[in-house]
Amino acid sequence: MFSVPRYVESPPGAIMGPIAQIFGAVINFLFNIVHAIGPANSLGIAIVLMTIIFRFLIMPLGLKSQKSMMKMRELKPELDKIKAKYGNSKDPEIARKMQQEQSALLAKHGANPLSGCLPMLIQFPLFIGLNIVMRQAALYITTLREMYVDLANALLSIRGLVGLTDDVTGRVTPGVLWNLAEGNIRDDNGNRLFEAIVNPQWIENRTALENFLLEKGVLYDITAQQLREEIAAFGSDVLFYGLPEHLARIINRFTPEEWQHVYSYIPETDLPAIQNMVTEIAQIQNFFGISIVEPSGMALPGIILPIMTGISMFISSWLMQQRTYDPNADERTVMTQKMMLFVMPVMMAVFTVNLVAAVGVFWITGQIFQIIQDIVLLKKSGTPIRLPFTKQPPQPEVVDIIPVKKRK
């Protein structure tokens, strides 16, 4: 039923940590603006807004790249002439001279064969950063963090849900949420519910922390504030269910189905308030019915985003080929272009299936922006837009005809 292992991640490392913090700060800023206007879909709208701003910022680089690719198409006849001049010789010295002459021609006209890759390469660190931030959105989005802490406080106030205190020994034993988080509760088929949500290292650290508190004689008689201080003194990364901010890191990963399981253990008097809080958070994290803080997956409605990712990538790749189209290209080149037209969209769709849906929203928005930009540029340059897989007849080579003088 819930068989896919998921983990509450440790904070990002030394390299990705600063990137995630910057990325999270930008999203948090935009989210606060959008959320002030309306909470529904606010996190998704903030990502769309961030993507548009990012696209405008890199537009000069994109336009330069597009113009360079179109210049490559114009220079292809000259490049072919240089290649024909040196033939297919395998002599390294001849190959070096041919490369130098071609490079000089490209430099003279400001063309770069690798320029088309730059806008794509810039986006990949953003994919990784966005995936990190959205997997633990409550750590970076201030409003969400406060809402999850409030929800955790409400859950902690319900006896037996998180932990039960023995009236004799004072020891806290695991409650429903505790056991659910560690996969100790099973469904009717024997499958663990919410299996392995907690990083295994944290479980080891928590056990060591309990021994640390036991040696100090405060394990069975400690306040929440003292517990925070002792965890700081302990000095290891640990997740303790009894603290609201720690419990918030667990419950922010619960799916609607898992919340339904939790609801069955909540008294009817407390249930409406808890449900309202969960619904309010879901309105923020959902984007037109899709939770953007969870992987898109292969089921509806999440699978819609990978499908749209593939379609938008196909259209964008097709328009990119308009800029480099050569009617005199050989069959091998044509087949390679057709293959790339399919391979890249499929790869990107599969890529987004396993990442949080927010990455799909980011990619689709960016591709729509790119498609509009490409169409405008192609129209402005007078380049005809062909239908996919249609090939124009080869263009005849231009031959200079020198007129012959008539004899007197």
Protein backbone atom coordinates (compact mmCIF):
# COMPACT_ATOMS: atom_id res chain seq x y z
CA MET A 1 0.00 0.00 0.00
CA PHE A 2 2.76 2.46 0.99
CA SER A 3 5.78 0.46 -0.09
CA VAL A 4 8.15 3.14 -1.39
CA PRO A 5 10.81 4.02 1.23
CA ARG A 6 11.14 7.75 1.89
CA TYR A 7 13.43 9.60 4.19
CA VAL A 8 13.51 12.83 6.11
CA GLU A 9 16.73 14.17 4.62
CA SER A 10 19.62 15.54 6.56
CA PRO A 11 20.45 19.18 5.83
CA PRO A 12 22.30 19.63 2.49
CA GLY A 13 26.08 19.33 2.55
CA ALA A 14 28.77 21.96 2.29
CA ILE A 15 28.37 22.37 -1.49
CA MET A 16 24.60 22.22 -2.00
CA GLY A 17 23.75 23.74 1.40
CA PRO A 18 24.53 27.38 0.44
CA ILE A 19 22.86 26.92 -2.97
CA ALA A 20 19.72 25.54 -1.31
CA GLN A 21 19.69 28.41 1.21
CA ILE A 22 19.90 31.04 -1.55
CA PHE A 23 17.33 29.22 -3.65
CA GLY A 24 15.05 28.81 -0.65
CA ALA A 25 15.35 32.50 0.25
CA VAL A 26 14.30 33.53 -3.28
CA ILE A 27 11.30 31.19 -3.29
CA ASN A 28 10.35 32.27 0.23
CA PHE A 29 10.40 35.94 -0.81
CA LEU A 30 8.21 35.35 -3.87
CA PHE A 31 5.93 32.99 -1.95
CA ASN A 32 5.22 35.62 0.71
CA ILE A 33 4.12 38.06 -2.01
CA VAL A 34 1.86 35.52 -3.73
CA HIS A 35 0.49 34.13 -0.46
CA ALA A 36 -0.51 37.63 0.66
CA ILE A 37 -2.74 37.86 -2.43
CA GLY A 38 -4.24 34.39 -2.05
CA PRO A 39 -3.13 31.12 -0.38
CA ALA A 40 -4.52 28.66 -2.95
CA ASN A 41 -1.78 27.32 -5.29
CA SER A 42 0.55 30.00 -3.88
CA LEU A 43 3.70 27.83 -3.76
CA GLY A 44 3.27 26.69 -7.38
CA ILE A 45 2.55 30.23 -8.56
CA ALA A 46 5.70 31.42 -6.75
CA ILE A 47 7.75 28.84 -8.68
CA VAL A 48 6.17 29.93 -11.98
CA LEU A 49 6.98 33.55 -11.14
CA MET A 50 10.56 32.64 -10.19
CA THR A 51 11.00 30.76 -13.48
CA ILE A 52 9.77 33.72 -15.55
CA ILE A 53 12.12 36.09 -13.71
CA PHE A 54 15.02 33.67 -14.24
CA ARG A 55 14.20 33.38 -17.95
CA PHE A 56 14.20 37.15 -18.36
CA LEU A 57 17.57 37.33 -16.63
CA ILE A 58 19.20 34.80 -18.97
CA MET A 59 17.37 36.10 -22.07
CA PRO A 60 20.45 38.01 -23.38
CA LEU A 61 22.48 34.80 -23.19
CA GLY A 62 19.64 32.86 -24.86
CA LEU A 63 19.31 35.34 -27.70
CA LYS A 64 23.05 35.33 -28.26
CA SER A 65 22.97 31.54 -28.34
CA GLN A 66 20.10 31.46 -30.83
CA LYS A 67 21.74 33.99 -33.14
CA SER A 68 24.98 32.02 -32.98
CA MET A 69 23.17 28.83 -33.99
CA MET A 70 21.49 30.59 -36.91
CA LYS A 71 24.87 31.98 -37.94
CA MET A 72 26.22 28.42 -37.89
CA ARG A 73 23.55 27.44 -40.40
CA GLU A 74 24.53 30.33 -42.69
CA LEU A 75 28.20 29.42 -42.48
CA LYS A 76 27.70 25.71 -43.12
CA PRO A 77 28.42 25.96 -46.86
CA GLU A 78 31.72 27.70 -46.10
CA LEU A 79 32.57 25.12 -43.44
CA ASP A 80 31.83 22.34 -45.94
CA LYS A 81 34.14 23.96 -48.49
CA ILE A 82 36.97 24.00 -45.95
CA LYS A 83 36.30 20.35 -45.14
CA ALA A 84 36.29 19.43 -48.83
CA LYS A 85 39.53 21.37 -49.30
CA TYR A 86 41.37 19.16 -46.81
CA GLY A 87 39.50 15.94 -47.68
CA ASN A 88 39.23 12.96 -45.35
CA SER A 89 42.91 12.78 -44.56
CA LYS A 90 43.77 11.18 -41.20
CA ASP A 91 47.00 13.13 -40.97
CA PRO A 92 46.89 14.98 -37.57
CA GLU A 93 48.65 18.01 -39.03
CA ILE A 94 46.10 18.36 -41.85
CA ALA A 95 43.24 17.86 -39.40
CA ARG A 96 44.72 20.57 -37.17
CA LYS A 97 44.97 23.03 -40.08
CA MET A 98 41.37 22.32 -41.09
CA GLN A 99 40.21 22.89 -37.50
CA GLN A 100 42.15 26.14 -37.28
CA GLU A 101 40.67 27.44 -40.53
CA GLN A 102 37.13 26.52 -39.49
CA SER A 103 37.61 28.09 -36.04
CA ALA A 104 38.93 31.28 -37.61
CA LEU A 105 35.85 31.47 -39.86
CA LEU A 106 33.48 30.98 -36.90
CA ALA A 107 35.35 33.54 -34.79
CA LYS A 108 35.25 36.07 -37.62
CA HIS A 109 31.45 35.85 -37.78
CA GLY A 110 30.86 35.48 -34.02
CA ALA A 111 29.52 31.92 -34.17
CA ASN A 112 30.06 29.25 -31.52
CA PRO A 113 28.93 25.64 -32.04
CA LEU A 114 28.67 25.08 -28.27
CA SER A 115 26.61 28.18 -27.49
CA GLY A 116 23.32 26.27 -27.75
CA CYS A 117 24.29 24.15 -24.74
CA LEU A 118 24.93 27.03 -22.32
CA PRO A 119 21.29 27.92 -21.41
CA MET A 120 20.59 24.22 -20.79
CA LEU A 121 23.66 23.73 -18.60
CA ILE A 122 22.78 26.75 -16.47
CA GLN A 123 19.41 25.19 -15.59
CA PHE A 124 20.67 21.87 -14.19
CA PRO A 125 22.02 23.30 -10.89
CA LEU A 126 18.62 24.94 -10.49
CA PHE A 127 16.90 21.57 -10.95
CA ILE A 128 18.99 20.10 -8.13
CA GLY A 129 18.53 23.13 -5.87
CA LEU A 130 14.77 23.25 -6.43
CA ASN A 131 14.45 19.52 -5.74
CA ILE A 132 16.33 19.88 -2.44
CA VAL A 133 14.29 22.87 -1.30
CA MET A 134 10.90 21.43 -2.23
CA ARG A 135 11.56 18.03 -0.66
CA GLN A 136 11.74 19.86 2.67
CA ALA A 137 9.76 23.00 1.83
CA ALA A 138 8.90 23.55 5.49
CA LEU A 139 12.60 24.20 6.22
CA TYR A 140 12.83 27.06 3.72
CA ILE A 141 9.32 28.56 3.46
CA THR A 142 8.75 30.51 6.68
CA THR A 143 4.95 30.42 6.54
CA LEU A 144 4.90 26.66 5.91
CA ARG A 145 7.36 26.03 8.72
CA GLU A 146 5.16 27.95 11.18
CA MET A 147 2.05 26.11 10.00
CA TYR A 148 3.69 22.70 10.38
CA VAL A 149 5.02 23.57 13.85
CA ASP A 150 1.51 24.66 14.88
CA LEU A 151 0.16 21.38 13.51
CA ALA A 152 2.86 19.43 15.37
CA ASN A 153 1.96 21.23 18.60
CA ALA A 154 -1.69 20.30 18.10
CA LEU A 155 -0.76 16.64 17.51
CA LEU A 156 1.52 16.57 20.55
CA SER A 157 -1.34 17.75 22.72
CA ILE A 158 -3.39 14.65 21.82
CA ARG A 159 -2.54 11.87 24.28
CA GLY A 160 -1.31 8.66 22.71
CA LEU A 161 -0.86 10.05 19.21
CA VAL A 162 2.87 10.73 19.43
CA GLY A 163 3.86 9.21 22.78
CA LEU A 164 2.41 7.94 26.06
CA THR A 165 3.96 8.73 29.45
CA ASP A 166 4.02 5.92 31.99
CA ASP A 167 2.55 7.30 35.23
CA VAL A 168 4.87 5.14 37.34
CA THR A 169 8.26 5.41 35.64
CA GLY A 170 7.63 8.61 33.69
CA ARG A 171 9.12 6.99 30.57
CA VAL A 172 7.61 8.03 27.23
CA THR A 173 6.67 5.09 24.99
CA PRO A 174 6.07 5.37 21.23
CA GLY A 175 2.59 6.40 20.15
CA VAL A 176 0.77 6.07 16.82
CA LEU A 177 2.71 8.75 14.91
CA TRP A 178 6.01 7.48 16.27
CA ASN A 179 5.33 3.91 15.15
CA LEU A 180 3.85 5.07 11.85
CA ALA A 181 6.95 7.11 11.04
CA GLU A 182 9.30 4.17 11.65
CA GLY A 183 7.17 1.72 9.68
CA ASN A 184 6.04 -0.33 12.70
CA ILE A 185 2.36 -0.14 11.73
CA ARG A 186 1.22 -2.43 8.94
CA ASP A 187 -1.86 -2.51 6.74
CA ASP A 188 -4.19 -5.49 6.22
CA ASN A 189 -1.78 -6.98 3.68
CA GLY A 190 1.17 -6.83 6.06
CA ASN A 191 2.85 -3.90 4.29
CA ARG A 192 4.53 -1.29 6.44
CA LEU A 193 2.90 2.11 6.43
CA PHE A 194 5.20 5.04 5.73
CA GLU A 195 8.28 2.83 5.86
CA ALA A 196 11.69 4.26 6.79
CA ILE A 197 10.78 7.94 6.85
CA VAL A 198 13.54 8.76 9.34
CA ASN A 199 17.19 8.80 8.33
CA PRO A 200 18.71 5.66 9.94
CA GLN A 201 21.60 7.73 11.29
CA TRP A 202 19.12 9.84 13.25
CA ILE A 203 17.66 6.73 14.88
CA GLU A 204 21.14 5.75 16.10
CA ASN A 205 21.80 9.30 17.30
CA ARG A 206 18.48 9.43 19.14
CA THR A 207 19.32 6.23 21.02
CA ALA A 208 22.70 7.69 21.96
CA LEU A 209 20.95 10.91 23.06
CA GLU A 210 18.59 8.96 25.32
CA ASN A 211 21.59 7.26 26.96
CA PHE A 212 23.21 10.70 27.28
CA LEU A 213 20.10 12.03 29.06
CA LEU A 214 19.85 8.88 31.20
CA GLU A 215 23.42 9.35 32.46
CA LYS A 216 22.60 12.95 33.38
CA GLY A 217 19.48 11.77 35.24
CA VAL A 218 17.07 13.92 33.22
CA LEU A 219 15.62 11.41 30.75
CA TYR A 220 12.34 10.93 32.62
CA ASP A 221 11.95 14.49 33.88
CA ILE A 222 12.76 17.10 31.25
CA THR A 223 10.91 20.02 29.67
CA ALA A 224 10.79 20.72 25.94
CA GLN A 225 13.11 23.71 26.35
CA GLN A 226 15.61 21.67 28.37
CA LEU A 227 15.45 18.96 25.72
CA ARG A 228 16.42 21.50 23.03
CA GLU A 229 19.37 22.61 25.14
CA GLU A 230 20.51 19.04 25.81
CA ILE A 231 20.30 18.18 22.10
CA ALA A 232 22.52 21.19 21.39
CA ALA A 233 24.97 20.02 24.06
CA PHE A 234 24.85 16.47 22.66
CA GLY A 235 26.28 17.85 19.43
CA SER A 236 24.97 15.33 16.88
CA ASP A 237 22.28 15.60 14.24
CA VAL A 238 19.23 13.99 15.83
CA LEU A 239 15.49 13.96 15.25
CA PHE A 240 13.35 13.81 18.39
CA TYR A 241 9.62 13.28 17.98
CA GLY A 242 8.73 15.13 21.16
CA LEU A 243 9.83 18.54 19.85
CA PRO A 244 7.34 20.38 17.60
CA GLU A 245 10.01 21.58 15.14
CA HIS A 246 11.35 18.02 14.82
CA LEU A 247 7.92 16.41 14.50
CA ALA A 248 7.12 19.02 11.82
CA ARG A 249 9.94 17.56 9.68
CA ILE A 250 8.20 14.19 9.79
CA ILE A 251 4.56 15.13 9.23
CA ASN A 252 5.41 17.45 6.31
CA ARG A 253 6.11 14.28 4.31
CA PHE A 254 2.74 12.61 4.99
CA THR A 255 0.53 11.93 1.97
CA PRO A 256 -3.29 12.34 2.04
CA GLU A 257 -3.65 8.55 2.46
CA GLU A 258 -1.30 8.56 5.44
CA TRP A 259 -3.16 11.45 7.00
CA GLN A 260 -6.36 9.44 6.71
CA HIS A 261 -4.65 6.70 8.72
CA VAL A 262 -3.61 9.23 11.38
CA TYR A 263 -7.15 10.65 11.53
CA SER A 264 -8.47 7.26 12.60
CA TYR A 265 -6.52 7.62 15.88
CA ILE A 266 -7.56 11.21 16.65
CA PRO A 267 -10.54 11.76 18.99
CA GLU A 268 -13.61 13.24 17.28
CA THR A 269 -13.38 16.35 19.45
CA ASP A 270 -9.90 17.18 18.08
CA LEU A 271 -10.33 15.87 14.53
CA PRO A 272 -11.98 18.91 12.80
CA ALA A 273 -9.23 21.30 13.94
CA ILE A 274 -6.46 18.94 12.75
CA GLN A 275 -8.19 18.35 9.40
CA ASN A 276 -8.62 22.09 8.83
CA MET A 277 -4.91 22.69 9.45
CA VAL A 278 -3.89 19.88 7.08
CA THR A 279 -6.30 21.18 4.41
CA GLU A 280 -4.95 24.71 4.73
CA ILE A 281 -1.39 23.46 4.20
CA ALA A 282 -2.48 21.31 1.25
CA GLN A 283 -4.04 24.34 -0.47
CA ILE A 284 -0.63 26.00 -0.41
CA GLN A 285 1.40 22.97 -1.51
CA ASN A 286 -0.99 21.80 -4.24
CA PHE A 287 -0.82 23.25 -7.73
CA PHE A 288 -4.11 22.59 -9.51
CA GLY A 289 -4.58 19.31 -7.67
CA ILE A 290 -0.94 18.13 -7.77
CA SER A 291 1.27 18.22 -4.67
CA ILE A 292 4.44 19.90 -5.89
CA VAL A 293 6.47 18.89 -2.82
CA GLU A 294 6.12 15.18 -3.70
CA PRO A 295 7.55 13.27 -6.70
CA SER A 296 5.29 13.42 -9.76
CA GLY A 297 5.14 9.62 -9.95
CA MET A 298 3.41 7.49 -12.56
CA ALA A 299 -0.18 7.88 -11.37
CA LEU A 300 -2.76 10.58 -11.99
CA PRO A 301 -2.75 13.50 -11.50
CA GLY A 302 1.04 13.74 -10.98
CA ILE A 303 1.93 11.98 -14.25
CA ILE A 304 0.44 14.95 -16.12
CA LEU A 305 3.56 17.01 -15.35
CA PRO A 306 6.10 14.56 -16.86
CA ILE A 307 3.86 14.21 -19.94
CA MET A 308 3.67 17.99 -20.34
CA THR A 309 7.43 18.18 -19.74
CA GLY A 310 8.03 15.78 -22.64
CA ILE A 311 5.63 17.63 -24.95
CA SER A 312 7.10 21.05 -24.19
CA MET A 313 10.63 19.68 -24.65
CA PHE A 314 9.65 18.16 -28.01
CA ILE A 315 8.26 21.47 -29.29
CA SER A 316 11.27 23.38 -28.00
CA SER A 317 13.71 20.91 -29.61
CA TRP A 318 11.79 21.04 -32.88
CA LEU A 319 12.01 24.85 -32.94
CA MET A 320 15.70 24.65 -32.12
CA GLN A 321 16.22 22.48 -35.20
CA GLN A 322 14.62 25.21 -37.33
CA ARG A 323 17.59 27.41 -36.50
CA THR A 324 20.09 24.82 -37.70
CA TYR A 325 18.07 23.24 -40.53
CA ASP A 326 20.11 22.29 -43.57
CA PRO A 327 18.17 21.05 -46.62
CA ASN A 328 21.39 19.54 -48.00
CA ALA A 329 22.06 17.45 -44.89
CA ASP A 330 22.89 13.78 -45.46
CA GLU A 331 20.62 10.95 -44.27
CA ARG A 332 22.80 10.21 -41.27
CA THR A 333 22.49 13.78 -39.99
CA VAL A 334 18.72 13.77 -40.57
CA MET A 335 18.32 10.50 -38.65
CA THR A 336 20.40 11.85 -35.77
CA GLN A 337 18.21 14.96 -35.58
CA LYS A 338 15.04 12.86 -35.59
CA MET A 339 16.41 10.62 -32.85
CA MET A 340 17.35 13.59 -30.67
CA LEU A 341 13.90 15.05 -31.24
CA PHE A 342 12.47 12.02 -29.42
CA VAL A 343 15.25 11.01 -27.04
CA MET A 344 15.64 14.33 -25.18
CA PRO A 345 11.91 14.80 -24.41
CA VAL A 346 11.58 11.19 -23.19
CA MET A 347 14.71 11.52 -21.03
CA MET A 348 13.45 14.75 -19.50
CA ALA A 349 10.00 13.26 -18.83
CA VAL A 350 11.54 10.24 -17.06
CA PHE A 351 13.85 12.58 -15.17
CA THR A 352 10.93 14.59 -13.76
CA VAL A 353 8.92 11.49 -12.74
CA ASN A 354 11.27 10.82 -9.83
CA LEU A 355 11.86 14.43 -8.79
CA VAL A 356 9.41 16.59 -6.88
CA ALA A 357 6.61 17.93 -9.06
CA ALA A 358 7.92 21.48 -8.53
CA VAL A 359 10.78 20.64 -10.92
CA GLY A 360 8.21 19.76 -13.59
CA VAL A 361 6.43 23.09 -13.03
CA PHE A 362 9.76 24.90 -13.33
CA TRP A 363 10.71 23.07 -16.53
CA ILE A 364 7.33 23.41 -18.28
CA THR A 365 7.14 27.13 -17.51
CA GLY A 366 10.67 27.64 -18.80
CA GLN A 367 9.99 25.71 -21.99
CA ILE A 368 6.81 27.68 -22.73
CA PHE A 369 8.85 30.86 -22.31
CA GLN A 370 11.53 29.44 -24.63
CA ILE A 371 8.96 28.39 -27.26
CA ILE A 372 7.49 31.90 -27.43
CA GLN A 373 10.99 33.39 -27.64
CA ASP A 374 11.97 31.00 -30.45
CA ILE A 375 8.84 31.69 -32.51
CA VAL A 376 9.37 35.46 -32.25
CA LEU A 377 13.03 35.17 -33.24
CA LEU A 378 12.32 32.85 -36.18
CA LYS A 379 9.57 35.15 -37.47
CA LYS A 380 11.80 38.19 -37.08
CA SER A 381 14.64 36.54 -39.00
CA GLY A 382 12.31 35.36 -41.76
CA THR A 383 13.15 31.69 -41.13
CA PRO A 384 10.26 29.45 -42.24
CA ILE A 385 8.87 27.14 -39.55
CA ARG A 386 8.53 23.63 -40.98
CA LEU A 387 6.33 20.88 -39.64
CA PRO A 388 8.23 18.09 -37.80
CA PHE A 389 9.90 15.47 -40.04
CA THR A 390 9.25 17.37 -43.28
CA LYS A 391 12.24 17.91 -45.52
CA GLN A 392 12.58 20.60 -48.13
CA PRO A 393 14.20 19.64 -51.43
CA PRO A 394 17.97 20.23 -51.48
CA GLN A 395 18.97 23.71 -52.49
CA PRO A 396 21.09 23.92 -55.66
CA GLU A 397 24.60 25.12 -55.21
CA VAL A 398 25.28 28.64 -56.41
CA VAL A 399 27.73 28.61 -59.35
CA ASP A 400 29.39 31.79 -60.53
CA ILE A 401 29.06 32.01 -64.34
CA ILE A 402 31.69 34.11 -66.06
CA PRO A 403 30.30 35.52 -69.33
CA VAL A 404 32.34 34.70 -72.42
CA LYS A 405 33.16 37.64 -74.64
CA LYS A 406 31.86 37.40 -78.16
CA ARG A 407 34.40 37.27 -80.92
CA LYS A 408 34.50 40.21 -83.20
